[in-house]
Amino acid sequence: MGSANWRAAQLKIAKLHTKVANIHHDVLHKLTTYLAKSIANQGFYEFRRQLEYKTHLISVRYTCARYNTS
């Protein structure tokens, strides 16, 4: 068992962790919404072209899965 100060500090840390997790979740949600709107407005081909170009600039491996309609 710990002192009251220790328990209060642990509670404060837990609240901060929750706040950071919520901010992280919110940013991801807003980013994916933005990307979905961008794809809808530009068309997927242009979005994919820019993604390939920009990942190449920062030396990140980009792989696009093929979509088979048959």
C-alpha atoms as a PDB file:
ATOM      1  CA  MET A   1       0.000   0.000   0.000  1.00  0.00           C
ATOM      2  CA  GLY A   2       1.057   3.552  -0.583  1.00  0.00           C
ATOM      3  CA  SER A   3       0.406   6.877   0.957  1.00  0.00           C
ATOM      4  CA  ALA A   4      -2.482   9.135   0.018  1.00  0.00           C
ATOM      5  CA  ASN A   5      -0.079  11.314  -1.985  1.00  0.00           C
ATOM      6  CA  TRP A   6       1.103   8.289  -3.980  1.00  0.00           C
ATOM      7  CA  ARG A   7      -2.481   7.253  -4.771  1.00  0.00           C
ATOM      8  CA  ALA A   8      -3.336  10.830  -5.786  1.00  0.00           C
ATOM      9  CA  ALA A   9      -0.293  10.945  -8.068  1.00  0.00           C
ATOM     10  CA  GLN A  10      -1.258   7.602  -9.651  1.00  0.00           C
ATOM     11  CA  LEU A  11      -4.786   8.879 -10.286  1.00  0.00           C
ATOM     12  CA  LYS A  12      -3.419  12.056 -11.856  1.00  0.00           C
ATOM     13  CA  ILE A  13      -1.122   9.997 -14.121  1.00  0.00           C
ATOM     14  CA  ALA A  14      -4.007   7.721 -15.134  1.00  0.00           C
ATOM     15  CA  LYS A  15      -6.137  10.736 -16.047  1.00  0.00           C
ATOM     16  CA  LEU A  16      -3.314  12.169 -18.161  1.00  0.00           C
ATOM     17  CA  HIS A  17      -2.859   8.829 -19.959  1.00  0.00           C
ATOM     18  CA  THR A  18      -6.576   8.762 -20.706  1.00  0.00           C
ATOM     19  CA  LYS A  19      -6.467  12.334 -22.001  1.00  0.00           C
ATOM     20  CA  VAL A  20      -3.518  11.568 -24.305  1.00  0.00           C
ATOM     21  CA  ALA A  21      -5.229   8.407 -25.600  1.00  0.00           C
ATOM     22  CA  ASN A  22      -8.392  10.372 -26.337  1.00  0.00           C
ATOM     23  CA  ILE A  23      -6.427  13.069 -28.186  1.00  0.00           C
ATOM     24  CA  HIS A  24      -4.638  10.369 -30.202  1.00  0.00           C
ATOM     25  CA  HIS A  25      -7.945   8.709 -31.101  1.00  0.00           C
ATOM     26  CA  ASP A  26      -9.491  12.061 -32.087  1.00  0.00           C
ATOM     27  CA  VAL A  27      -6.544  12.995 -34.332  1.00  0.00           C
ATOM     28  CA  LEU A  28      -6.672   9.621 -36.101  1.00  0.00           C
ATOM     29  CA  HIS A  29     -10.427   9.940 -36.602  1.00  0.00           C
ATOM     30  CA  LYS A  30     -10.080  13.450 -38.060  1.00  0.00           C
ATOM     31  CA  LEU A  31      -7.179  12.404 -40.289  1.00  0.00           C
ATOM     32  CA  THR A  32      -8.984   9.392 -41.733  1.00  0.00           C
ATOM     33  CA  THR A  33     -12.098  11.505 -42.341  1.00  0.00           C
ATOM     34  CA  TYR A  34      -9.974  14.094 -44.121  1.00  0.00           C
ATOM     35  CA  LEU A  35      -8.283  11.410 -46.233  1.00  0.00           C
ATOM     36  CA  ALA A  36     -11.612   9.831 -47.153  1.00  0.00           C
ATOM     37  CA  LYS A  37     -12.948  13.210 -48.288  1.00  0.00           C
ATOM     38  CA  SER A  38      -9.764  13.899 -50.242  1.00  0.00           C
ATOM     39  CA  ILE A  39     -10.003  10.582 -52.038  1.00  0.00           C
ATOM     40  CA  ALA A  40     -13.656  11.212 -52.864  1.00  0.00           C
ATOM     41  CA  ASN A  41     -12.912  14.705 -54.205  1.00  0.00           C
ATOM     42  CA  GLN A  42      -9.741  13.923 -56.153  1.00  0.00           C
ATOM     43  CA  GLY A  43     -10.441  10.449 -57.317  1.00  0.00           C
ATOM     44  CA  PHE A  44      -8.422   7.509 -56.115  1.00  0.00           C
ATOM     45  CA  TYR A  45      -5.912   7.541 -58.964  1.00  0.00           C
ATOM     46  CA  GLU A  46      -4.659  11.055 -58.140  1.00  0.00           C
ATOM     47  CA  PHE A  47      -4.541  10.274 -54.434  1.00  0.00           C
ATOM     48  CA  ARG A  48      -2.528   7.113 -55.098  1.00  0.00           C
ATOM     49  CA  ARG A  49      -0.176   8.967 -57.462  1.00  0.00           C
ATOM     50  CA  GLN A  50       0.576  11.613 -54.833  1.00  0.00           C
ATOM     51  CA  LEU A  51       0.989   9.005 -52.109  1.00  0.00           C
ATOM     52  CA  GLU A  52       3.515   7.069 -54.224  1.00  0.00           C
ATOM     53  CA  TYR A  53       5.435  10.265 -54.985  1.00  0.00           C
ATOM     54  CA  LYS A  54       5.541  11.494 -51.392  1.00  0.00           C
ATOM     55  CA  THR A  55       6.486   8.139 -49.883  1.00  0.00           C
ATOM     56  CA  HIS A  56       9.327   7.940 -52.406  1.00  0.00           C
ATOM     57  CA  LEU A  57      10.578  11.374 -51.266  1.00  0.00           C
ATOM     58  CA  ILE A  58      10.857  10.251 -47.646  1.00  0.00           C
ATOM     59  CA  SER A  59      12.152   6.752 -48.479  1.00  0.00           C
ATOM     60  CA  VAL A  60       9.113   4.879 -47.210  1.00  0.00           C
ATOM     61  CA  ARG A  61       8.044   1.640 -48.833  1.00  0.00           C
ATOM     62  CA  TYR A  62       4.659   1.949 -50.536  1.00  0.00           C
ATOM     63  CA  THR A  63       2.631  -1.055 -51.651  1.00  0.00           C
ATOM     64  CA  CYS A  64      -0.750  -0.823 -53.333  1.00  0.00           C
ATOM     65  CA  ALA A  65      -2.938  -3.934 -53.377  1.00  0.00           C
ATOM     66  CA  ARG A  66      -4.695  -4.693 -56.621  1.00  0.00           C
ATOM     67  CA  TYR A  67      -8.467  -4.758 -56.594  1.00  0.00           C
ATOM     68  CA  ASN A  68      -9.967  -7.598 -58.591  1.00  0.00           C
ATOM     69  CA  THR A  69     -13.578  -7.053 -59.683  1.00  0.00           C
ATOM     70  CA  SER A  70     -14.078 -10.471 -61.257  1.00  0.00           C
END
